[in-house]
Amino acid sequence: MEPVAFLIQNPINLALLAKITVQGSKEMAKSVIYTSLSNSLARGRINFETDVFRMLLVNSNYTNLAENTKRGHRTRTDVTPYETFGFNYTQSGSATVPGPGLCVATIANIDDPNRDVEISFVITPWTGASFVTSGGIIYKFSGGTSGVDDLVGYVDFGQLWSFSNQTCDPVVDKNLKMQT
């Protein structure tokens, strides 16, 4: 039997029009959708209705990378060298679900005539936090090693945020929008 090949005539157009607010901050508006997301979606590796997502926080070294470098990252392994550290922050996300950094993904809108699907994310805050961060990365939490955790998107907080026994509460108030 011959293998069946599929040709995608209209590739998925992804945009995370994220505006992030961190408790007590001004709004920020920079983001990157990882190019591997469309591959992960096409291969069935990501399902926004059933999978568990998390946000890990990164330092300014990641923020300063070129956008093309960031877009080329595929799994959590690629970004863990840039992860922040500090009190009440467990690197690579909380060891338990639920916990700080848990992202609840919801299909917020389906617009059939325009072929749009929008995904929203609600992130569990870090309380009593004492660390520094400049951005967050949303990824699929597979519960295993970092090499199998697929990246979704990166949000630049716009500046370096320093927390000292405070609440870090990233709010993604714009949806990830996919169009075919």
N, C-alpha and C. Protein backbone atom coordinates (compact mmCIF):
# COMPACT_ATOMS: atom_id res chain seq x y z
N MET A 1 0.84 -1.17 0.00
CA MET A 1 0.00 0.00 0.00
C MET A 1 0.89 1.24 0.00
N GLU A 2 0.59 2.17 -0.88
CA GLU A 2 1.33 3.42 -0.98
C GLU A 2 1.00 4.33 0.19
N PRO A 3 2.01 5.02 0.76
CA PRO A 3 1.69 5.99 1.82
C PRO A 3 0.92 7.16 1.23
N VAL A 4 0.05 7.72 2.03
CA VAL A 4 -0.76 8.86 1.61
C VAL A 4 -0.05 10.13 2.05
N ALA A 5 0.10 11.06 1.14
CA ALA A 5 0.73 12.35 1.45
C ALA A 5 -0.33 13.44 1.44
N PHE A 6 -0.21 14.35 2.37
CA PHE A 6 -1.14 15.47 2.44
C PHE A 6 -0.38 16.76 2.13
N LEU A 7 -0.98 17.58 1.34
CA LEU A 7 -0.41 18.88 1.03
C LEU A 7 -1.31 19.93 1.66
N ILE A 8 -0.73 20.76 2.52
CA ILE A 8 -1.52 21.82 3.14
C ILE A 8 -1.51 23.02 2.21
N GLN A 9 -2.68 23.28 1.60
CA GLN A 9 -2.80 24.40 0.67
C GLN A 9 -2.76 25.73 1.40
N ASN A 10 -3.41 25.79 2.55
CA ASN A 10 -3.47 27.02 3.33
C ASN A 10 -2.84 26.76 4.69
N PRO A 11 -1.55 27.06 4.84
CA PRO A 11 -0.91 26.78 6.13
C PRO A 11 -1.57 27.57 7.26
N ILE A 12 -1.45 27.03 8.45
CA ILE A 12 -2.04 27.68 9.62
C ILE A 12 -1.31 28.99 9.89
N ASN A 13 -2.07 30.04 10.06
CA ASN A 13 -1.52 31.35 10.41
C ASN A 13 -1.74 31.53 11.90
N LEU A 14 -0.68 31.70 12.66
CA LEU A 14 -0.79 31.81 14.10
C LEU A 14 -0.39 33.19 14.56
N ALA A 15 -1.16 33.72 15.48
CA ALA A 15 -0.81 35.02 16.06
C ALA A 15 -1.21 35.01 17.52
N LEU A 16 -0.31 35.34 18.39
CA LEU A 16 -0.63 35.51 19.80
C LEU A 16 -0.55 37.01 20.04
N LEU A 17 -1.72 37.61 20.01
CA LEU A 17 -1.78 39.05 20.20
C LEU A 17 -1.91 39.29 21.69
N ALA A 18 -0.81 39.09 22.38
CA ALA A 18 -0.85 39.08 23.84
C ALA A 18 -0.56 40.45 24.40
N LYS A 19 -1.35 40.79 25.36
CA LYS A 19 -1.09 41.98 26.15
C LYS A 19 -1.01 41.47 27.58
N ILE A 20 0.15 41.54 28.17
CA ILE A 20 0.38 40.95 29.48
C ILE A 20 0.35 42.04 30.53
N THR A 21 -0.30 41.73 31.64
CA THR A 21 -0.19 42.61 32.79
C THR A 21 0.33 41.78 33.95
N VAL A 22 1.23 42.34 34.68
CA VAL A 22 1.72 41.71 35.89
C VAL A 22 1.22 42.58 37.02
N GLN A 23 0.72 41.96 38.08
CA GLN A 23 0.07 42.70 39.16
C GLN A 23 0.79 44.00 39.48
N GLY A 24 0.07 45.10 39.36
CA GLY A 24 0.62 46.41 39.67
C GLY A 24 1.45 47.00 38.55
N SER A 25 1.41 46.42 37.36
CA SER A 25 2.26 46.89 36.27
C SER A 25 1.47 47.57 35.19
N LYS A 26 2.20 48.10 34.24
CA LYS A 26 1.60 48.62 33.02
C LYS A 26 1.49 47.46 32.04
N GLU A 27 0.69 47.65 30.98
CA GLU A 27 0.54 46.57 30.01
C GLU A 27 1.75 46.47 29.10
N MET A 28 2.02 45.25 28.65
CA MET A 28 3.11 44.99 27.73
C MET A 28 2.53 44.28 26.51
N ALA A 29 3.24 44.29 25.39
CA ALA A 29 2.64 43.71 24.19
C ALA A 29 3.64 43.12 23.21
N LYS A 30 4.51 42.22 23.61
CA LYS A 30 5.42 41.54 22.70
C LYS A 30 5.20 40.05 22.84
N SER A 31 5.30 39.34 21.74
CA SER A 31 5.15 37.90 21.83
C SER A 31 5.77 37.22 20.64
N VAL A 32 5.97 35.90 20.77
CA VAL A 32 6.48 35.06 19.70
C VAL A 32 5.68 33.77 19.73
N ILE A 33 5.21 33.35 18.58
CA ILE A 33 4.62 32.02 18.46
C ILE A 33 5.71 31.13 17.88
N TYR A 34 5.98 30.02 18.53
CA TYR A 34 7.03 29.13 18.06
C TYR A 34 6.58 28.46 16.76
N THR A 35 7.48 28.41 15.78
CA THR A 35 7.14 27.82 14.49
C THR A 35 6.80 26.34 14.63
N SER A 36 7.29 25.71 15.67
CA SER A 36 6.99 24.29 15.88
C SER A 36 5.54 24.05 16.29
N LEU A 37 4.81 25.11 16.68
CA LEU A 37 3.42 24.91 17.12
C LEU A 37 2.56 24.35 16.00
N SER A 38 2.67 24.86 14.78
CA SER A 38 1.85 24.34 13.69
C SER A 38 2.19 22.88 13.41
N ASN A 39 3.46 22.51 13.53
CA ASN A 39 3.88 21.12 13.36
C ASN A 39 3.27 20.25 14.46
N SER A 40 3.31 20.73 15.70
CA SER A 40 2.75 19.97 16.82
C SER A 40 1.25 19.80 16.67
N LEU A 41 0.58 20.83 16.18
CA LEU A 41 -0.87 20.73 15.96
C LEU A 41 -1.19 19.75 14.84
N ALA A 42 -0.45 19.83 13.74
CA ALA A 42 -0.70 18.94 12.61
C ALA A 42 -0.45 17.48 12.95
N ARG A 43 0.50 17.22 13.84
CA ARG A 43 0.82 15.84 14.23
C ARG A 43 -0.01 15.35 15.41
N GLY A 44 -0.91 16.21 15.90
CA GLY A 44 -1.78 15.81 17.01
C GLY A 44 -1.07 15.79 18.35
N ARG A 45 0.08 16.45 18.45
CA ARG A 45 0.83 16.47 19.71
C ARG A 45 0.26 17.48 20.70
N ILE A 46 -0.54 18.44 20.21
CA ILE A 46 -1.16 19.44 21.09
C ILE A 46 -2.66 19.46 20.85
N ASN A 47 -3.40 19.40 21.94
CA ASN A 47 -4.85 19.51 21.91
C ASN A 47 -5.24 20.52 22.98
N PHE A 48 -5.71 21.68 22.56
CA PHE A 48 -6.00 22.75 23.51
C PHE A 48 -7.19 22.44 24.42
N GLU A 49 -8.00 21.46 24.05
CA GLU A 49 -9.15 21.10 24.89
C GLU A 49 -8.79 20.12 25.99
N THR A 50 -7.77 19.29 25.78
CA THR A 50 -7.51 18.22 26.75
C THR A 50 -6.13 18.25 27.40
N ASP A 51 -5.17 18.91 26.80
CA ASP A 51 -3.80 18.90 27.33
C ASP A 51 -3.64 19.88 28.50
N VAL A 52 -2.60 19.65 29.29
CA VAL A 52 -2.24 20.54 30.39
C VAL A 52 -1.13 21.47 29.91
N PHE A 53 -1.29 22.76 30.18
CA PHE A 53 -0.30 23.76 29.78
C PHE A 53 0.23 24.47 31.00
N ARG A 54 1.47 24.93 30.91
CA ARG A 54 2.10 25.67 32.00
C ARG A 54 2.83 26.87 31.42
N MET A 55 3.18 27.79 32.31
CA MET A 55 4.04 28.91 31.93
C MET A 55 5.29 28.82 32.78
N LEU A 56 6.45 28.87 32.12
CA LEU A 56 7.70 29.01 32.86
C LEU A 56 8.19 30.43 32.64
N LEU A 57 8.88 30.96 33.61
CA LEU A 57 9.36 32.34 33.56
C LEU A 57 10.82 32.36 33.17
N VAL A 58 11.20 33.34 32.35
CA VAL A 58 12.57 33.42 31.87
C VAL A 58 13.22 34.73 32.28
N ASN A 59 14.55 34.73 32.19
CA ASN A 59 15.34 35.90 32.56
C ASN A 59 15.60 36.78 31.33
N SER A 60 16.30 37.87 31.54
CA SER A 60 16.54 38.82 30.46
C SER A 60 17.45 38.27 29.37
N ASN A 61 18.23 37.24 29.67
CA ASN A 61 19.07 36.65 28.62
C ASN A 61 18.20 36.09 27.50
N TYR A 62 17.04 35.53 27.83
CA TYR A 62 16.13 35.02 26.80
C TYR A 62 15.47 36.17 26.05
N THR A 63 15.06 37.17 26.78
CA THR A 63 14.40 38.32 26.18
C THR A 63 15.30 38.97 25.13
N ASN A 64 16.60 38.96 25.37
CA ASN A 64 17.55 39.61 24.47
C ASN A 64 17.94 38.78 23.25
N LEU A 65 17.46 37.53 23.16
CA LEU A 65 17.76 36.71 21.98
C LEU A 65 17.04 37.27 20.76
N ALA A 66 17.58 37.02 19.59
CA ALA A 66 16.93 37.44 18.35
C ALA A 66 15.60 36.68 18.19
N GLU A 67 14.62 37.33 17.58
CA GLU A 67 13.31 36.71 17.41
C GLU A 67 13.40 35.40 16.62
N ASN A 68 14.24 35.36 15.58
CA ASN A 68 14.38 34.12 14.80
C ASN A 68 14.95 32.99 15.64
N THR A 69 15.84 33.29 16.56
CA THR A 69 16.37 32.27 17.46
C THR A 69 15.26 31.73 18.34
N LYS A 70 14.46 32.62 18.91
CA LYS A 70 13.34 32.20 19.76
C LYS A 70 12.37 31.33 18.98
N ARG A 71 12.00 31.76 17.77
CA ARG A 71 11.03 31.01 16.96
C ARG A 71 11.50 29.59 16.67
N GLY A 72 12.81 29.38 16.61
CA GLY A 72 13.35 28.06 16.31
C GLY A 72 13.31 27.09 17.48
N HIS A 73 13.01 27.56 18.67
CA HIS A 73 12.92 26.67 19.82
C HIS A 73 11.67 25.80 19.69
N ARG A 74 11.82 24.52 20.08
CA ARG A 74 10.73 23.56 19.87
C ARG A 74 10.18 22.98 21.18
N THR A 75 11.09 22.66 22.11
CA THR A 75 10.67 22.01 23.34
C THR A 75 11.24 22.76 24.54
N ARG A 76 10.78 22.37 25.72
CA ARG A 76 11.23 23.02 26.95
C ARG A 76 12.75 22.89 27.13
N THR A 77 13.35 21.85 26.58
CA THR A 77 14.80 21.68 26.64
C THR A 77 15.53 22.89 26.06
N ASP A 78 14.98 23.48 25.02
CA ASP A 78 15.62 24.62 24.35
C ASP A 78 15.63 25.87 25.20
N VAL A 79 14.71 25.98 26.16
CA VAL A 79 14.57 27.24 26.90
C VAL A 79 14.95 27.15 28.38
N THR A 80 15.15 25.95 28.92
CA THR A 80 15.46 25.84 30.35
C THR A 80 16.75 26.55 30.76
N PRO A 81 17.76 26.71 29.88
CA PRO A 81 18.94 27.47 30.33
C PRO A 81 18.63 28.93 30.66
N TYR A 82 17.51 29.42 30.19
CA TYR A 82 17.14 30.83 30.40
C TYR A 82 16.10 31.01 31.51
N GLU A 83 15.73 29.92 32.14
CA GLU A 83 14.66 29.99 33.13
C GLU A 83 15.10 30.74 34.39
N THR A 84 14.19 31.52 34.94
CA THR A 84 14.47 32.27 36.15
C THR A 84 14.55 31.31 37.34
N PHE A 85 15.00 31.80 38.46
CA PHE A 85 15.03 31.01 39.69
C PHE A 85 14.78 31.96 40.85
N GLY A 86 14.35 31.39 41.96
CA GLY A 86 14.12 32.20 43.14
C GLY A 86 13.16 31.54 44.10
N PHE A 87 12.82 32.26 45.16
CA PHE A 87 11.96 31.75 46.22
C PHE A 87 10.51 31.65 45.72
N ASN A 88 9.88 30.52 46.02
CA ASN A 88 8.51 30.21 45.59
C ASN A 88 8.37 30.12 44.07
N TYR A 89 9.46 29.75 43.42
CA TYR A 89 9.42 29.44 41.98
C TYR A 89 10.15 28.13 41.77
N THR A 90 9.43 27.14 41.25
CA THR A 90 10.02 25.84 40.95
C THR A 90 10.37 25.84 39.48
N GLN A 91 11.65 25.67 39.17
CA GLN A 91 12.04 25.69 37.77
C GLN A 91 11.33 24.60 36.99
N SER A 92 11.05 24.90 35.73
CA SER A 92 10.31 24.01 34.82
C SER A 92 8.89 23.77 35.30
N GLY A 93 8.34 24.75 35.96
CA GLY A 93 6.96 24.64 36.42
C GLY A 93 6.86 23.90 37.72
N SER A 94 5.70 23.96 38.29
CA SER A 94 5.46 23.27 39.55
C SER A 94 5.53 21.77 39.33
N ALA A 95 6.04 21.07 40.31
CA ALA A 95 6.13 19.61 40.21
C ALA A 95 4.74 18.97 40.29
N THR A 96 3.78 19.72 40.77
CA THR A 96 2.42 19.18 40.88
C THR A 96 1.47 20.01 40.03
N VAL A 97 0.40 19.37 39.63
CA VAL A 97 -0.67 20.07 38.90
C VAL A 97 -1.90 19.91 39.76
N PRO A 98 -2.62 20.93 40.16
CA PRO A 98 -2.37 22.32 39.80
C PRO A 98 -1.26 22.94 40.65
N GLY A 99 -0.83 24.09 40.26
CA GLY A 99 0.20 24.82 40.97
C GLY A 99 0.50 26.11 40.24
N PRO A 100 1.40 26.93 40.78
CA PRO A 100 1.75 28.18 40.11
C PRO A 100 2.23 27.91 38.69
N GLY A 101 1.82 28.75 37.77
CA GLY A 101 2.22 28.60 36.38
C GLY A 101 1.31 27.73 35.56
N LEU A 102 0.32 27.08 36.19
CA LEU A 102 -0.64 26.28 35.44
C LEU A 102 -1.41 27.19 34.50
N CYS A 103 -1.52 26.81 33.24
CA CYS A 103 -2.27 27.58 32.25
C CYS A 103 -3.51 26.78 31.87
N VAL A 104 -4.67 27.33 32.11
CA VAL A 104 -5.90 26.70 31.67
C VAL A 104 -6.20 27.24 30.27
N ALA A 105 -6.15 26.37 29.28
CA ALA A 105 -6.42 26.76 27.89
C ALA A 105 -7.89 26.49 27.59
N THR A 106 -8.53 27.43 26.94
CA THR A 106 -9.94 27.31 26.59
C THR A 106 -10.13 27.77 25.15
N ILE A 107 -10.92 27.04 24.39
CA ILE A 107 -11.28 27.53 23.05
C ILE A 107 -12.28 28.65 23.27
N ALA A 108 -11.83 29.87 23.03
CA ALA A 108 -12.62 31.06 23.35
C ALA A 108 -13.60 31.42 22.25
N ASN A 109 -13.24 31.12 21.01
CA ASN A 109 -14.09 31.53 19.91
C ASN A 109 -13.78 30.69 18.68
N ILE A 110 -14.83 30.28 17.98
CA ILE A 110 -14.68 29.61 16.70
C ILE A 110 -15.49 30.40 15.69
N ASP A 111 -14.80 30.92 14.69
CA ASP A 111 -15.44 31.73 13.65
C ASP A 111 -15.30 30.96 12.33
N ASP A 112 -16.30 30.10 12.05
CA ASP A 112 -16.23 29.25 10.85
C ASP A 112 -16.12 30.03 9.54
N PRO A 113 -16.93 31.09 9.33
CA PRO A 113 -16.82 31.80 8.04
C PRO A 113 -15.43 32.37 7.77
N ASN A 114 -14.76 32.82 8.81
CA ASN A 114 -13.41 33.38 8.65
C ASN A 114 -12.30 32.39 8.94
N ARG A 115 -12.66 31.15 9.25
CA ARG A 115 -11.72 30.06 9.54
C ARG A 115 -10.77 30.41 10.68
N ASP A 116 -11.30 31.04 11.73
CA ASP A 116 -10.52 31.43 12.90
C ASP A 116 -10.88 30.58 14.11
N VAL A 117 -9.88 30.27 14.90
CA VAL A 117 -10.08 29.67 16.21
C VAL A 117 -9.22 30.47 17.18
N GLU A 118 -9.79 30.83 18.32
CA GLU A 118 -9.05 31.58 19.32
C GLU A 118 -8.96 30.78 20.61
N ILE A 119 -7.75 30.75 21.18
CA ILE A 119 -7.49 30.03 22.42
C ILE A 119 -7.13 31.06 23.48
N SER A 120 -7.76 30.96 24.65
CA SER A 120 -7.42 31.85 25.76
C SER A 120 -6.65 31.07 26.83
N PHE A 121 -5.85 31.78 27.60
CA PHE A 121 -5.06 31.16 28.67
C PHE A 121 -5.28 31.93 29.96
N VAL A 122 -5.53 31.20 31.05
CA VAL A 122 -5.59 31.77 32.40
C VAL A 122 -4.48 31.11 33.19
N ILE A 123 -3.62 31.92 33.81
CA ILE A 123 -2.40 31.42 34.45
C ILE A 123 -2.52 31.54 35.96
N THR A 124 -2.23 30.46 36.68
CA THR A 124 -2.21 30.48 38.14
C THR A 124 -1.02 31.30 38.62
N PRO A 125 -1.23 32.29 39.49
CA PRO A 125 -0.12 33.17 39.92
C PRO A 125 0.85 32.49 40.88
N TRP A 126 2.03 33.07 40.97
CA TRP A 126 3.03 32.70 41.96
C TRP A 126 2.85 33.65 43.15
N THR A 127 2.56 33.14 44.33
CA THR A 127 2.37 33.98 45.51
C THR A 127 3.62 33.92 46.38
N GLY A 128 3.86 34.98 47.14
CA GLY A 128 5.04 35.04 47.99
C GLY A 128 6.31 34.93 47.19
N ALA A 129 6.27 35.42 45.96
CA ALA A 129 7.38 35.24 45.03
C ALA A 129 8.53 36.21 45.31
N SER A 130 9.73 35.69 45.21
CA SER A 130 10.93 36.51 45.29
C SER A 130 11.87 36.06 44.17
N PHE A 131 11.71 36.69 43.03
CA PHE A 131 12.53 36.38 41.87
C PHE A 131 12.44 37.51 40.87
N VAL A 132 13.25 37.40 39.81
CA VAL A 132 13.29 38.39 38.75
C VAL A 132 12.92 37.69 37.45
N THR A 133 12.10 38.32 36.63
CA THR A 133 11.70 37.72 35.35
C THR A 133 11.44 38.81 34.33
N SER A 134 11.56 38.45 33.07
CA SER A 134 11.29 39.41 32.01
C SER A 134 10.32 38.85 30.96
N GLY A 135 9.87 37.60 31.14
CA GLY A 135 8.94 37.02 30.18
C GLY A 135 8.48 35.65 30.61
N GLY A 136 7.50 35.12 29.89
CA GLY A 136 6.97 33.80 30.19
C GLY A 136 6.78 32.98 28.92
N ILE A 137 6.95 31.67 29.05
CA ILE A 137 6.80 30.75 27.93
C ILE A 137 5.69 29.77 28.27
N ILE A 138 4.69 29.70 27.40
CA ILE A 138 3.60 28.73 27.56
C ILE A 138 4.01 27.47 26.81
N TYR A 139 3.87 26.33 27.50
CA TYR A 139 4.23 25.06 26.88
C TYR A 139 3.26 23.98 27.32
N LYS A 140 3.21 22.90 26.53
CA LYS A 140 2.40 21.74 26.88
C LYS A 140 3.17 20.95 27.92
N PHE A 141 2.55 20.74 29.07
CA PHE A 141 3.17 20.00 30.17
C PHE A 141 2.83 18.52 30.00
N SER A 142 3.85 17.72 29.67
CA SER A 142 3.63 16.29 29.44
C SER A 142 3.90 15.46 30.68
N GLY A 143 4.43 16.09 31.73
CA GLY A 143 4.68 15.38 32.97
C GLY A 143 5.96 14.57 32.96
N GLY A 144 6.70 14.65 31.88
CA GLY A 144 7.93 13.88 31.77
C GLY A 144 9.13 14.78 31.64
N THR A 145 10.01 14.39 30.74
CA THR A 145 11.23 15.16 30.54
C THR A 145 10.97 16.39 29.68
N SER A 146 11.86 17.35 29.77
CA SER A 146 11.68 18.62 29.06
C SER A 146 11.70 18.45 27.55
N GLY A 147 12.30 17.40 27.04
CA GLY A 147 12.38 17.18 25.59
C GLY A 147 11.07 16.82 24.94
N VAL A 148 10.05 16.49 25.74
CA VAL A 148 8.74 16.16 25.16
C VAL A 148 7.69 17.24 25.43
N ASP A 149 8.07 18.30 26.11
CA ASP A 149 7.15 19.41 26.38
C ASP A 149 7.21 20.42 25.24
N ASP A 150 6.20 20.41 24.37
CA ASP A 150 6.16 21.28 23.19
C ASP A 150 5.87 22.72 23.58
N LEU A 151 6.60 23.66 22.97
CA LEU A 151 6.41 25.08 23.23
C LEU A 151 5.25 25.62 22.41
N VAL A 152 4.52 26.57 23.00
CA VAL A 152 3.40 27.21 22.32
C VAL A 152 3.77 28.65 21.96
N GLY A 153 4.06 29.47 22.97
CA GLY A 153 4.36 30.87 22.70
C GLY A 153 5.14 31.51 23.83
N TYR A 154 5.81 32.60 23.49
CA TYR A 154 6.59 33.38 24.45
C TYR A 154 5.99 34.78 24.54
N VAL A 155 5.88 35.28 25.75
CA VAL A 155 5.38 36.63 25.96
C VAL A 155 6.44 37.44 26.70
N ASP A 156 6.86 38.53 26.09
CA ASP A 156 7.83 39.45 26.66
C ASP A 156 7.09 40.41 27.58
N PHE A 157 7.48 40.50 28.84
CA PHE A 157 6.79 41.37 29.80
C PHE A 157 7.16 42.85 29.64
N GLY A 158 8.07 43.14 28.70
CA GLY A 158 8.37 44.53 28.39
C GLY A 158 9.46 45.16 29.24
N GLN A 159 9.78 44.55 30.34
CA GLN A 159 10.85 45.03 31.21
C GLN A 159 11.19 43.94 32.21
N LEU A 160 12.23 44.16 32.97
CA LEU A 160 12.64 43.21 33.99
C LEU A 160 11.81 43.47 35.25
N TRP A 161 11.10 42.46 35.71
CA TRP A 161 10.26 42.59 36.90
C TRP A 161 10.93 41.89 38.07
N SER A 162 11.02 42.59 39.18
CA SER A 162 11.62 42.05 40.39
C SER A 162 10.54 41.93 41.46
N PHE A 163 10.39 40.73 42.01
CA PHE A 163 9.39 40.48 43.05
C PHE A 163 10.09 40.13 44.35
N SER A 164 9.62 40.70 45.44
CA SER A 164 10.15 40.41 46.76
C SER A 164 8.98 40.11 47.68
N ASN A 165 8.72 38.81 47.86
CA ASN A 165 7.58 38.34 48.65
C ASN A 165 6.27 38.97 48.16
N GLN A 166 6.09 38.96 46.85
CA GLN A 166 4.91 39.53 46.21
C GLN A 166 4.23 38.48 45.33
N THR A 167 3.13 38.87 44.71
CA THR A 167 2.42 37.99 43.79
C THR A 167 2.80 38.34 42.36
N CYS A 168 3.27 37.34 41.63
CA CYS A 168 3.52 37.46 40.20
C CYS A 168 2.33 36.84 39.51
N ASP A 169 1.52 37.66 38.87
CA ASP A 169 0.25 37.21 38.32
C ASP A 169 0.15 37.60 36.84
N PRO A 170 0.83 36.88 35.94
CA PRO A 170 0.73 37.21 34.52
C PRO A 170 -0.68 36.96 34.01
N VAL A 171 -1.23 37.93 33.32
CA VAL A 171 -2.57 37.81 32.75
C VAL A 171 -2.47 37.98 31.25
N VAL A 172 -2.77 36.92 30.51
CA VAL A 172 -2.80 37.01 29.05
C VAL A 172 -4.21 37.44 28.69
N ASP A 173 -4.37 38.70 28.30
CA ASP A 173 -5.72 39.19 28.04
C ASP A 173 -6.05 39.31 26.56
N LYS A 174 -5.22 38.71 25.72
CA LYS A 174 -5.53 38.54 24.29
C LYS A 174 -5.37 37.08 23.98
N ASN A 175 -6.12 36.60 23.02
CA ASN A 175 -6.12 35.18 22.69
C ASN A 175 -5.10 34.82 21.63
N LEU A 176 -4.68 33.54 21.65
CA LEU A 176 -3.90 32.97 20.57
C LEU A 176 -4.89 32.74 19.45
N LYS A 177 -4.63 33.28 18.28
CA LYS A 177 -5.56 33.20 17.16
C LYS A 177 -4.94 32.37 16.06
N MET A 178 -5.67 31.34 15.62
CA MET A 178 -5.20 30.48 14.54
C MET A 178 -6.17 30.60 13.39
N GLN A 179 -5.61 30.69 12.19
CA GLN A 179 -6.45 30.80 10.99
C GLN A 179 -5.92 29.82 9.95
N THR A 180 -6.83 29.10 9.32
CA THR A 180 -6.40 28.16 8.26
C THR A 180 -6.74 28.72 6.91
